[in-house]
Amino acid sequence: MNKNDLLTFMIPGSIDLDRLAEQFDPASMKVMRQRHKDSFAFIIGTIFQRTLAFLDDDQDSDELWIYISALDMRAAVGESYNGYRNFLVQEQIINWDDDYVPDVRTFGFQIAKPLRNPATIEYYQLQDFKRRTTVFKLLKAQQAGKADQIKYNYWHLENHFKTGKLMIHEQQAREWVEKRLQESKANPG
């Protein structure tokens, strides 16, 4: 697999973790499955791990946008979300402090939890997609104060609820963010 692939995972009502794991390295997936029993954490964690692997191949990529609606996140604010968060913390993908969330440029990775902690939410419902897509923004800067030098890398994860397909496609996400960047430059502030 490479970052230009269009990866499609069939996600039935009862998620087949063995089938999903076949898409990735069997040994590492076995360890992950033993460590993280929660299906939601496993799926999103797996996707996130692969995305970070892609990111590592591009040293200029310091900001990562991930569009996640593999599950309805508003329905995943309980144990499933905790499993996901714990996975990211344990794998040192993000740092997390429920009481204190400093600027992400000095903090590494930060993820905002929808509906529970409005002060840290980076949560959007995009109206220009045919289907509403939950967006999480995860920001990594090489060092504090370098936000103006951040370059971009994107992946788009969109769930087609009716067909049960989860699709990852870089180009659609890149086009959307490039459009937003142009709008931002045209209307600063």
N, C-alpha and C. Protein backbone atom coordinates (compact mmCIF):
# COMPACT_ATOMS: atom_id res chain seq x y z
N MET A 1 0.84 -1.20 0.00
CA MET A 1 0.00 0.00 0.00
C MET A 1 0.87 1.25 0.00
N ASN A 2 0.42 2.28 -0.67
CA ASN A 2 1.09 3.56 -0.59
C ASN A 2 0.04 4.65 -0.46
N LYS A 3 0.51 5.85 -0.21
CA LYS A 3 -0.42 6.92 0.13
C LYS A 3 -1.30 7.35 -1.03
N ASN A 4 -1.00 6.88 -2.22
CA ASN A 4 -1.84 7.23 -3.36
C ASN A 4 -2.93 6.20 -3.62
N ASP A 5 -2.89 5.12 -2.86
CA ASP A 5 -3.91 4.09 -3.04
C ASP A 5 -5.27 4.60 -2.58
N LEU A 6 -6.29 4.04 -3.17
CA LEU A 6 -7.64 4.21 -2.66
C LEU A 6 -7.95 2.94 -1.90
N LEU A 7 -8.00 3.04 -0.58
CA LEU A 7 -8.20 1.87 0.25
C LEU A 7 -9.66 1.79 0.65
N THR A 8 -10.24 0.65 0.45
CA THR A 8 -11.65 0.47 0.80
C THR A 8 -11.77 -0.68 1.78
N PHE A 9 -12.35 -0.40 2.93
CA PHE A 9 -12.59 -1.43 3.93
C PHE A 9 -14.09 -1.66 4.03
N MET A 10 -14.49 -2.89 3.95
CA MET A 10 -15.90 -3.20 4.18
C MET A 10 -16.12 -3.26 5.69
N ILE A 11 -17.07 -2.50 6.16
CA ILE A 11 -17.34 -2.46 7.59
C ILE A 11 -18.76 -2.92 7.83
N PRO A 12 -18.95 -4.21 8.06
CA PRO A 12 -20.29 -4.73 8.32
C PRO A 12 -20.76 -4.35 9.71
N GLY A 13 -21.97 -4.74 10.06
CA GLY A 13 -22.49 -4.42 11.37
C GLY A 13 -21.60 -4.96 12.47
N SER A 14 -21.09 -6.16 12.28
CA SER A 14 -20.13 -6.74 13.21
C SER A 14 -18.78 -6.70 12.52
N ILE A 15 -17.90 -5.85 12.99
CA ILE A 15 -16.64 -5.59 12.29
C ILE A 15 -15.72 -6.80 12.32
N ASP A 16 -15.23 -7.19 11.16
CA ASP A 16 -14.32 -8.33 11.03
C ASP A 16 -12.89 -7.82 11.19
N LEU A 17 -12.39 -7.88 12.43
CA LEU A 17 -11.06 -7.35 12.69
C LEU A 17 -9.97 -8.15 12.00
N ASP A 18 -10.19 -9.46 11.85
CA ASP A 18 -9.19 -10.28 11.17
C ASP A 18 -9.04 -9.83 9.73
N ARG A 19 -10.17 -9.58 9.10
CA ARG A 19 -10.12 -9.15 7.70
C ARG A 19 -9.45 -7.79 7.57
N LEU A 20 -9.77 -6.90 8.50
CA LEU A 20 -9.15 -5.59 8.48
C LEU A 20 -7.65 -5.69 8.70
N ALA A 21 -7.25 -6.54 9.63
CA ALA A 21 -5.84 -6.68 9.96
C ALA A 21 -5.02 -7.20 8.79
N GLU A 22 -5.66 -7.95 7.91
CA GLU A 22 -4.95 -8.49 6.75
C GLU A 22 -4.42 -7.38 5.85
N GLN A 23 -4.99 -6.19 5.97
CA GLN A 23 -4.55 -5.07 5.14
C GLN A 23 -3.20 -4.52 5.61
N PHE A 24 -2.80 -4.91 6.81
CA PHE A 24 -1.60 -4.33 7.40
C PHE A 24 -0.65 -5.43 7.87
N ASP A 25 0.38 -5.04 8.54
CA ASP A 25 1.37 -6.00 9.03
C ASP A 25 0.74 -6.90 10.09
N PRO A 26 0.69 -8.20 9.86
CA PRO A 26 0.00 -9.12 10.78
C PRO A 26 0.55 -9.09 12.20
N ALA A 27 1.88 -9.03 12.33
CA ALA A 27 2.48 -9.07 13.67
C ALA A 27 2.09 -7.86 14.50
N SER A 28 2.23 -6.67 13.91
CA SER A 28 1.90 -5.46 14.66
C SER A 28 0.41 -5.39 14.94
N MET A 29 -0.41 -5.88 14.01
CA MET A 29 -1.85 -5.85 14.22
C MET A 29 -2.24 -6.79 15.36
N LYS A 30 -1.56 -7.92 15.48
CA LYS A 30 -1.86 -8.85 16.56
C LYS A 30 -1.60 -8.20 17.91
N VAL A 31 -0.49 -7.50 18.01
CA VAL A 31 -0.16 -6.80 19.25
C VAL A 31 -1.19 -5.73 19.55
N MET A 32 -1.56 -4.98 18.52
CA MET A 32 -2.55 -3.92 18.72
C MET A 32 -3.89 -4.49 19.16
N ARG A 33 -4.28 -5.60 18.59
CA ARG A 33 -5.57 -6.18 18.94
C ARG A 33 -5.57 -6.68 20.38
N GLN A 34 -4.45 -7.21 20.83
CA GLN A 34 -4.37 -7.69 22.20
C GLN A 34 -4.41 -6.52 23.17
N ARG A 35 -3.82 -5.43 22.76
CA ARG A 35 -3.70 -4.27 23.64
C ARG A 35 -4.97 -3.43 23.66
N HIS A 36 -5.65 -3.40 22.54
CA HIS A 36 -6.81 -2.53 22.41
C HIS A 36 -8.00 -3.35 21.94
N LYS A 37 -8.82 -3.74 22.88
CA LYS A 37 -9.94 -4.62 22.56
C LYS A 37 -11.09 -3.87 21.90
N ASP A 38 -11.15 -2.59 22.12
CA ASP A 38 -12.26 -1.83 21.59
C ASP A 38 -12.20 -1.75 20.07
N SER A 39 -13.26 -2.16 19.40
CA SER A 39 -13.26 -2.21 17.93
C SER A 39 -13.03 -0.83 17.32
N PHE A 40 -13.70 0.16 17.87
CA PHE A 40 -13.58 1.50 17.32
C PHE A 40 -12.15 2.01 17.45
N ALA A 41 -11.56 1.79 18.63
CA ALA A 41 -10.18 2.22 18.82
C ALA A 41 -9.25 1.50 17.87
N PHE A 42 -9.51 0.24 17.65
CA PHE A 42 -8.65 -0.54 16.76
C PHE A 42 -8.72 -0.02 15.34
N ILE A 43 -9.92 0.20 14.85
CA ILE A 43 -10.07 0.64 13.46
C ILE A 43 -9.44 2.01 13.24
N ILE A 44 -9.83 2.97 14.06
CA ILE A 44 -9.31 4.31 13.87
C ILE A 44 -7.83 4.35 14.19
N GLY A 45 -7.42 3.63 15.22
CA GLY A 45 -6.00 3.58 15.55
C GLY A 45 -5.17 2.99 14.43
N THR A 46 -5.69 1.95 13.80
CA THR A 46 -5.00 1.32 12.69
C THR A 46 -4.84 2.30 11.54
N ILE A 47 -5.94 2.96 11.19
CA ILE A 47 -5.89 3.94 10.11
C ILE A 47 -4.93 5.06 10.45
N PHE A 48 -4.98 5.49 11.70
CA PHE A 48 -4.14 6.60 12.13
C PHE A 48 -2.67 6.20 12.07
N GLN A 49 -2.37 4.98 12.48
CA GLN A 49 -1.00 4.49 12.45
C GLN A 49 -0.46 4.49 11.03
N ARG A 50 -1.28 4.01 10.09
CA ARG A 50 -0.85 3.98 8.70
C ARG A 50 -0.68 5.40 8.15
N THR A 51 -1.56 6.29 8.54
CA THR A 51 -1.46 7.66 8.06
C THR A 51 -0.18 8.30 8.56
N LEU A 52 0.17 8.05 9.82
CA LEU A 52 1.41 8.60 10.35
C LEU A 52 2.61 8.02 9.63
N ALA A 53 2.53 6.77 9.22
CA ALA A 53 3.62 6.16 8.46
C ALA A 53 3.80 6.91 7.14
N PHE A 54 2.68 7.26 6.52
CA PHE A 54 2.76 8.05 5.30
C PHE A 54 3.39 9.41 5.60
N LEU A 55 2.96 10.00 6.71
CA LEU A 55 3.44 11.32 7.07
C LEU A 55 4.95 11.31 7.29
N ASP A 56 5.45 10.23 7.90
CA ASP A 56 6.88 10.13 8.17
C ASP A 56 7.71 10.12 6.90
N ASP A 57 7.10 9.73 5.79
CA ASP A 57 7.82 9.69 4.52
C ASP A 57 8.00 11.07 3.91
N ASP A 58 7.30 12.05 4.45
CA ASP A 58 7.35 13.40 3.90
C ASP A 58 7.76 14.35 5.02
N GLN A 59 9.02 14.70 5.06
CA GLN A 59 9.53 15.49 6.17
C GLN A 59 8.99 16.92 6.17
N ASP A 60 8.40 17.33 5.07
CA ASP A 60 7.83 18.67 5.01
C ASP A 60 6.40 18.72 5.53
N SER A 61 5.87 17.57 5.87
CA SER A 61 4.46 17.51 6.26
C SER A 61 4.32 17.65 7.77
N ASP A 62 3.91 18.82 8.20
CA ASP A 62 3.83 19.08 9.63
C ASP A 62 2.40 19.27 10.11
N GLU A 63 1.48 19.33 9.20
CA GLU A 63 0.09 19.43 9.64
C GLU A 63 -0.71 18.34 8.96
N LEU A 64 -1.49 17.67 9.72
CA LEU A 64 -2.25 16.53 9.22
C LEU A 64 -3.73 16.74 9.51
N TRP A 65 -4.52 16.75 8.45
CA TRP A 65 -5.97 16.81 8.61
C TRP A 65 -6.51 15.43 8.36
N ILE A 66 -7.31 14.94 9.24
CA ILE A 66 -7.94 13.65 9.02
C ILE A 66 -9.45 13.83 9.13
N TYR A 67 -10.14 13.36 8.12
CA TYR A 67 -11.59 13.45 8.10
C TYR A 67 -12.12 12.08 8.51
N ILE A 68 -12.74 12.00 9.64
CA ILE A 68 -13.15 10.71 10.17
C ILE A 68 -14.66 10.69 10.38
N SER A 69 -15.32 9.80 9.70
CA SER A 69 -16.71 9.51 10.04
C SER A 69 -16.95 8.02 9.91
N ALA A 70 -15.91 7.24 10.24
CA ALA A 70 -16.03 5.79 10.19
C ALA A 70 -17.18 5.32 11.07
N LEU A 71 -17.38 6.04 12.15
CA LEU A 71 -18.55 5.84 13.01
C LEU A 71 -19.10 7.23 13.31
N ASP A 72 -20.33 7.31 13.67
CA ASP A 72 -20.89 8.59 14.08
C ASP A 72 -20.23 9.00 15.37
N MET A 73 -19.37 10.03 15.32
CA MET A 73 -18.58 10.38 16.49
C MET A 73 -19.45 10.87 17.64
N ARG A 74 -20.61 11.39 17.30
CA ARG A 74 -21.49 11.86 18.38
C ARG A 74 -22.03 10.69 19.18
N ALA A 75 -21.99 9.51 18.59
CA ALA A 75 -22.44 8.32 19.30
C ALA A 75 -21.26 7.57 19.90
N ALA A 76 -20.07 8.14 19.74
CA ALA A 76 -18.87 7.44 20.19
C ALA A 76 -18.15 8.22 21.29
N VAL A 77 -18.92 8.92 22.11
CA VAL A 77 -18.29 9.73 23.15
C VAL A 77 -18.19 8.98 24.47
N GLY A 78 -18.54 7.71 24.45
CA GLY A 78 -18.47 6.90 25.67
C GLY A 78 -17.22 6.04 25.68
N GLU A 79 -17.39 4.74 25.97
CA GLU A 79 -16.25 3.85 26.09
C GLU A 79 -15.45 3.75 24.80
N SER A 80 -16.14 3.79 23.67
CA SER A 80 -15.43 3.69 22.40
C SER A 80 -14.45 4.84 22.23
N TYR A 81 -14.90 6.05 22.56
CA TYR A 81 -14.00 7.18 22.41
C TYR A 81 -12.83 7.06 23.38
N ASN A 82 -13.11 6.64 24.61
CA ASN A 82 -12.05 6.50 25.58
C ASN A 82 -11.00 5.51 25.10
N GLY A 83 -11.46 4.43 24.46
CA GLY A 83 -10.53 3.46 23.93
C GLY A 83 -9.65 4.07 22.85
N TYR A 84 -10.26 4.88 22.01
CA TYR A 84 -9.52 5.55 20.93
C TYR A 84 -8.50 6.51 21.51
N ARG A 85 -8.94 7.32 22.46
CA ARG A 85 -8.03 8.28 23.07
C ARG A 85 -6.88 7.57 23.77
N ASN A 86 -7.21 6.53 24.53
CA ASN A 86 -6.18 5.81 25.25
C ASN A 86 -5.16 5.18 24.30
N PHE A 87 -5.67 4.71 23.15
CA PHE A 87 -4.76 4.15 22.15
C PHE A 87 -3.76 5.20 21.69
N LEU A 88 -4.26 6.38 21.36
CA LEU A 88 -3.39 7.43 20.84
C LEU A 88 -2.39 7.89 21.88
N VAL A 89 -2.82 7.97 23.13
CA VAL A 89 -1.93 8.37 24.21
C VAL A 89 -0.87 7.30 24.44
N GLN A 90 -1.31 6.05 24.52
CA GLN A 90 -0.39 4.96 24.81
C GLN A 90 0.66 4.81 23.72
N GLU A 91 0.25 5.01 22.48
CA GLU A 91 1.20 4.90 21.37
C GLU A 91 2.01 6.18 21.18
N GLN A 92 1.83 7.14 22.08
CA GLN A 92 2.54 8.41 22.05
C GLN A 92 2.28 9.19 20.76
N ILE A 93 1.08 9.00 20.22
CA ILE A 93 0.68 9.76 19.05
C ILE A 93 0.18 11.13 19.47
N ILE A 94 -0.49 11.19 20.60
CA ILE A 94 -0.92 12.48 21.13
C ILE A 94 -0.59 12.55 22.61
N ASN A 95 -0.56 13.75 23.12
CA ASN A 95 -0.54 14.00 24.55
C ASN A 95 -1.94 14.45 24.93
N TRP A 96 -2.31 14.20 26.16
CA TRP A 96 -3.67 14.58 26.54
C TRP A 96 -3.72 14.93 28.02
N ASP A 97 -4.40 16.00 28.31
CA ASP A 97 -4.67 16.39 29.69
C ASP A 97 -6.05 17.01 29.69
N ASP A 98 -6.98 16.36 30.39
CA ASP A 98 -8.36 16.83 30.37
C ASP A 98 -8.51 18.21 31.00
N ASP A 99 -7.60 18.56 31.88
CA ASP A 99 -7.73 19.82 32.60
C ASP A 99 -6.92 20.96 31.99
N TYR A 100 -5.88 20.60 31.26
CA TYR A 100 -5.01 21.64 30.71
C TYR A 100 -4.55 21.25 29.32
N VAL A 101 -4.96 22.02 28.33
CA VAL A 101 -4.56 21.75 26.96
C VAL A 101 -3.86 22.99 26.41
N PRO A 102 -2.53 23.02 26.45
CA PRO A 102 -1.80 24.18 25.96
C PRO A 102 -1.80 24.25 24.44
N ASP A 103 -1.15 25.24 23.91
CA ASP A 103 -1.09 25.42 22.47
C ASP A 103 -0.51 24.17 21.82
N VAL A 104 -1.16 23.71 20.76
CA VAL A 104 -0.74 22.45 20.15
C VAL A 104 0.65 22.52 19.55
N ARG A 105 1.12 23.71 19.20
CA ARG A 105 2.44 23.80 18.59
C ARG A 105 3.53 23.44 19.60
N THR A 106 3.26 23.60 20.88
CA THR A 106 4.25 23.24 21.89
C THR A 106 3.90 21.92 22.56
N PHE A 107 2.82 21.32 22.14
CA PHE A 107 2.27 20.17 22.87
C PHE A 107 2.34 18.89 22.08
N GLY A 108 2.77 18.97 20.81
CA GLY A 108 2.73 17.77 19.99
C GLY A 108 1.35 17.60 19.40
N PHE A 109 0.80 16.42 19.57
CA PHE A 109 -0.52 16.16 19.03
C PHE A 109 -1.60 16.43 20.06
N GLN A 110 -2.69 16.96 19.58
CA GLN A 110 -3.86 17.20 20.43
C GLN A 110 -5.08 16.83 19.61
N ILE A 111 -6.00 16.16 20.22
CA ILE A 111 -7.25 15.87 19.52
C ILE A 111 -8.40 16.42 20.35
N ALA A 112 -9.34 17.04 19.70
CA ALA A 112 -10.47 17.64 20.40
C ALA A 112 -11.63 16.68 20.39
N LYS A 113 -12.27 16.57 21.53
CA LYS A 113 -13.36 15.61 21.69
C LYS A 113 -14.71 16.29 21.49
N PRO A 114 -15.48 15.87 20.50
CA PRO A 114 -16.74 16.55 20.23
C PRO A 114 -17.75 16.42 21.36
N LEU A 115 -18.46 17.49 21.61
CA LEU A 115 -19.62 17.56 22.51
C LEU A 115 -19.29 17.49 23.98
N ARG A 116 -18.11 17.02 24.37
CA ARG A 116 -17.83 16.91 25.79
C ARG A 116 -16.99 18.05 26.33
N ASN A 117 -16.08 18.54 25.54
CA ASN A 117 -15.19 19.60 26.00
C ASN A 117 -15.13 20.70 24.94
N PRO A 118 -16.16 21.56 24.91
CA PRO A 118 -16.25 22.57 23.86
C PRO A 118 -15.03 23.47 23.77
N ALA A 119 -14.31 23.65 24.87
CA ALA A 119 -13.18 24.57 24.87
C ALA A 119 -12.05 24.08 23.97
N THR A 120 -11.99 22.78 23.70
CA THR A 120 -10.90 22.27 22.88
C THR A 120 -11.37 21.67 21.56
N ILE A 121 -12.62 21.95 21.22
CA ILE A 121 -13.18 21.31 20.02
C ILE A 121 -12.59 21.90 18.74
N GLU A 122 -12.17 21.00 17.85
CA GLU A 122 -11.87 21.36 16.45
C GLU A 122 -12.79 20.45 15.65
N TYR A 123 -14.05 20.81 15.61
CA TYR A 123 -15.08 19.90 15.11
C TYR A 123 -15.98 20.64 14.13
N TYR A 124 -16.15 20.09 12.98
CA TYR A 124 -16.94 20.77 11.96
C TYR A 124 -17.90 19.80 11.29
N GLN A 125 -19.03 20.34 10.85
CA GLN A 125 -19.90 19.59 9.95
C GLN A 125 -19.80 20.30 8.60
N LEU A 126 -19.22 19.62 7.64
CA LEU A 126 -18.97 20.25 6.35
C LEU A 126 -20.21 20.18 5.47
N GLN A 127 -20.72 21.33 5.09
CA GLN A 127 -21.94 21.36 4.30
C GLN A 127 -21.66 21.23 2.80
N ASP A 128 -20.40 21.38 2.39
CA ASP A 128 -20.10 21.32 0.96
C ASP A 128 -19.76 19.91 0.49
N PHE A 129 -19.79 18.94 1.39
CA PHE A 129 -19.72 17.55 0.98
C PHE A 129 -21.15 17.04 0.83
N LYS A 130 -21.35 16.08 -0.05
CA LYS A 130 -22.69 15.52 -0.23
C LYS A 130 -23.15 14.86 1.05
N ARG A 131 -22.22 14.27 1.79
CA ARG A 131 -22.53 13.67 3.08
C ARG A 131 -21.81 14.45 4.16
N ARG A 132 -22.44 14.60 5.29
CA ARG A 132 -21.80 15.31 6.39
C ARG A 132 -20.61 14.50 6.88
N THR A 133 -19.52 15.19 7.10
CA THR A 133 -18.28 14.52 7.47
C THR A 133 -17.74 15.14 8.75
N THR A 134 -17.42 14.31 9.70
CA THR A 134 -16.83 14.80 10.93
C THR A 134 -15.35 15.06 10.71
N VAL A 135 -14.91 16.21 11.16
CA VAL A 135 -13.52 16.57 10.91
C VAL A 135 -12.77 16.75 12.23
N PHE A 136 -11.63 16.13 12.30
CA PHE A 136 -10.72 16.37 13.41
C PHE A 136 -9.45 17.00 12.85
N LYS A 137 -8.97 17.99 13.49
CA LYS A 137 -7.72 18.60 13.06
C LYS A 137 -6.63 18.26 14.07
N LEU A 138 -5.57 17.65 13.60
CA LEU A 138 -4.46 17.29 14.45
C LEU A 138 -3.22 18.02 13.94
N LEU A 139 -2.62 18.81 14.78
CA LEU A 139 -1.54 19.68 14.34
C LEU A 139 -0.21 19.28 14.99
N LYS A 140 0.82 19.12 14.18
CA LYS A 140 2.16 18.87 14.69
C LYS A 140 3.12 19.87 14.07
N ALA A 141 3.77 20.68 14.86
CA ALA A 141 4.77 21.60 14.34
C ALA A 141 6.15 21.12 14.77
N GLN A 142 7.16 21.41 14.01
CA GLN A 142 8.50 20.97 14.35
C GLN A 142 8.98 21.62 15.63
N GLN A 143 8.60 22.85 15.83
CA GLN A 143 8.93 23.51 17.09
C GLN A 143 8.01 24.70 17.27
N ALA A 144 7.94 25.16 18.49
CA ALA A 144 7.04 26.28 18.79
C ALA A 144 7.44 27.51 17.99
N GLY A 145 6.44 28.27 17.57
CA GLY A 145 6.70 29.50 16.85
C GLY A 145 6.93 29.33 15.37
N LYS A 146 6.77 28.11 14.86
CA LYS A 146 7.02 27.86 13.44
C LYS A 146 5.73 27.64 12.66
N ALA A 147 4.63 28.10 13.20
CA ALA A 147 3.34 27.83 12.56
C ALA A 147 3.30 28.37 11.14
N ASP A 148 4.00 29.50 10.90
CA ASP A 148 3.95 30.09 9.57
C ASP A 148 4.73 29.27 8.55
N GLN A 149 5.56 28.34 9.01
CA GLN A 149 6.36 27.52 8.11
C GLN A 149 5.77 26.13 7.89
N ILE A 150 4.63 25.90 8.53
CA ILE A 150 4.04 24.57 8.44
C ILE A 150 3.59 24.27 7.02
N LYS A 151 3.95 23.11 6.54
CA LYS A 151 3.46 22.65 5.25
C LYS A 151 2.41 21.59 5.53
N TYR A 152 1.80 21.08 4.48
CA TYR A 152 0.60 20.29 4.69
C TYR A 152 0.63 18.92 4.03
N ASN A 153 -0.07 18.01 4.67
CA ASN A 153 -0.30 16.68 4.12
C ASN A 153 -1.69 16.25 4.58
N TYR A 154 -2.44 15.62 3.70
CA TYR A 154 -3.83 15.37 4.01
C TYR A 154 -4.27 13.96 3.65
N TRP A 155 -5.16 13.47 4.43
CA TRP A 155 -5.87 12.25 4.06
C TRP A 155 -7.35 12.44 4.35
N HIS A 156 -8.14 11.82 3.56
CA HIS A 156 -9.59 11.96 3.70
C HIS A 156 -10.19 10.61 3.98
N LEU A 157 -10.84 10.49 5.11
CA LEU A 157 -11.52 9.26 5.48
C LEU A 157 -13.01 9.56 5.53
N GLU A 158 -13.74 9.03 4.59
CA GLU A 158 -15.17 9.32 4.53
C GLU A 158 -15.95 8.02 4.57
N ASN A 159 -16.91 7.96 5.46
CA ASN A 159 -17.72 6.76 5.57
C ASN A 159 -19.00 6.90 4.76
N HIS A 160 -19.26 5.90 3.93
CA HIS A 160 -20.51 5.85 3.21
C HIS A 160 -21.44 4.94 4.00
N PHE A 161 -22.28 5.54 4.82
CA PHE A 161 -23.05 4.76 5.78
C PHE A 161 -23.96 3.73 5.11
N LYS A 162 -24.54 4.09 3.97
CA LYS A 162 -25.49 3.19 3.34
C LYS A 162 -24.82 1.96 2.74
N THR A 163 -23.59 2.14 2.25
CA THR A 163 -22.90 1.01 1.61
C THR A 163 -21.95 0.30 2.55
N GLY A 164 -21.63 0.95 3.68
CA GLY A 164 -20.73 0.33 4.63
C GLY A 164 -19.28 0.35 4.18
N LYS A 165 -18.93 1.32 3.35
CA LYS A 165 -17.55 1.38 2.86
C LYS A 165 -16.83 2.57 3.50
N LEU A 166 -15.62 2.32 3.95
CA LEU A 166 -14.76 3.39 4.45
C LEU A 166 -13.68 3.61 3.41
N MET A 167 -13.59 4.83 2.92
CA MET A 167 -12.65 5.10 1.84
C MET A 167 -11.63 6.13 2.29
N ILE A 168 -10.39 5.89 1.93
CA ILE A 168 -9.32 6.83 2.23
C ILE A 168 -8.82 7.36 0.89
N HIS A 169 -8.86 8.64 0.71
CA HIS A 169 -8.41 9.18 -0.56
C HIS A 169 -7.76 10.53 -0.33
N GLU A 170 -6.51 10.63 -0.73
CA GLU A 170 -5.75 11.83 -0.46
C GLU A 170 -6.20 13.03 -1.28
N GLN A 171 -6.47 12.82 -2.55
CA GLN A 171 -6.69 13.94 -3.45
C GLN A 171 -7.90 14.78 -3.07
N GLN A 172 -9.00 14.12 -2.71
CA GLN A 172 -10.21 14.86 -2.37
C GLN A 172 -9.98 15.75 -1.16
N ALA A 173 -9.26 15.21 -0.18
CA ALA A 173 -8.96 16.00 1.02
C ALA A 173 -8.03 17.16 0.68
N ARG A 174 -7.02 16.89 -0.14
CA ARG A 174 -6.08 17.94 -0.51
C ARG A 174 -6.80 19.10 -1.22
N GLU A 175 -7.69 18.75 -2.14
CA GLU A 175 -8.42 19.78 -2.88
C GLU A 175 -9.27 20.63 -1.94
N TRP A 176 -9.91 19.96 -0.97
CA TRP A 176 -10.77 20.70 -0.04
C TRP A 176 -9.94 21.66 0.80
N VAL A 177 -8.81 21.18 1.32
CA VAL A 177 -8.00 22.03 2.19
C VAL A 177 -7.33 23.14 1.39
N GLU A 178 -6.88 22.84 0.19
CA GLU A 178 -6.29 23.89 -0.65
C GLU A 178 -7.31 25.00 -0.89
N LYS A 179 -8.55 24.63 -1.12
CA LYS A 179 -9.60 25.62 -1.31
C LYS A 179 -9.75 26.48 -0.07
N ARG A 180 -9.72 25.82 1.11
CA ARG A 180 -9.86 26.56 2.36
C ARG A 180 -8.65 27.48 2.58
N LEU A 181 -7.46 27.02 2.22
CA LEU A 181 -6.27 27.84 2.37
C LEU A 181 -6.35 29.09 1.50
N GLN A 182 -6.82 28.94 0.27
CA GLN A 182 -6.96 30.08 -0.63
C GLN A 182 -7.98 31.07 -0.07
N GLU A 183 -9.07 30.55 0.48
CA GLU A 183 -10.09 31.42 1.07
C GLU A 183 -9.52 32.18 2.25
N SER A 184 -8.69 31.48 3.03
CA SER A 184 -8.08 32.10 4.21
C SER A 184 -7.13 33.22 3.80
N LYS A 185 -6.35 32.98 2.75
CA LYS A 185 -5.41 34.00 2.28
C LYS A 185 -6.14 35.21 1.71
N ALA A 186 -7.27 34.93 1.06
CA ALA A 186 -8.04 36.02 0.45
C ALA A 186 -8.78 36.84 1.50
N ASN A 187 -9.07 36.21 2.64
CA ASN A 187 -9.80 36.89 3.71
C ASN A 187 -9.09 36.68 5.03
N PRO A 188 -7.90 37.25 5.20
CA PRO A 188 -7.15 37.06 6.44
C PRO A 188 -7.91 37.59 7.64
N GLY A 189 -7.78 36.85 8.75
CA GLY A 189 -8.44 37.27 9.97
C GLY A 189 -9.88 36.91 9.99
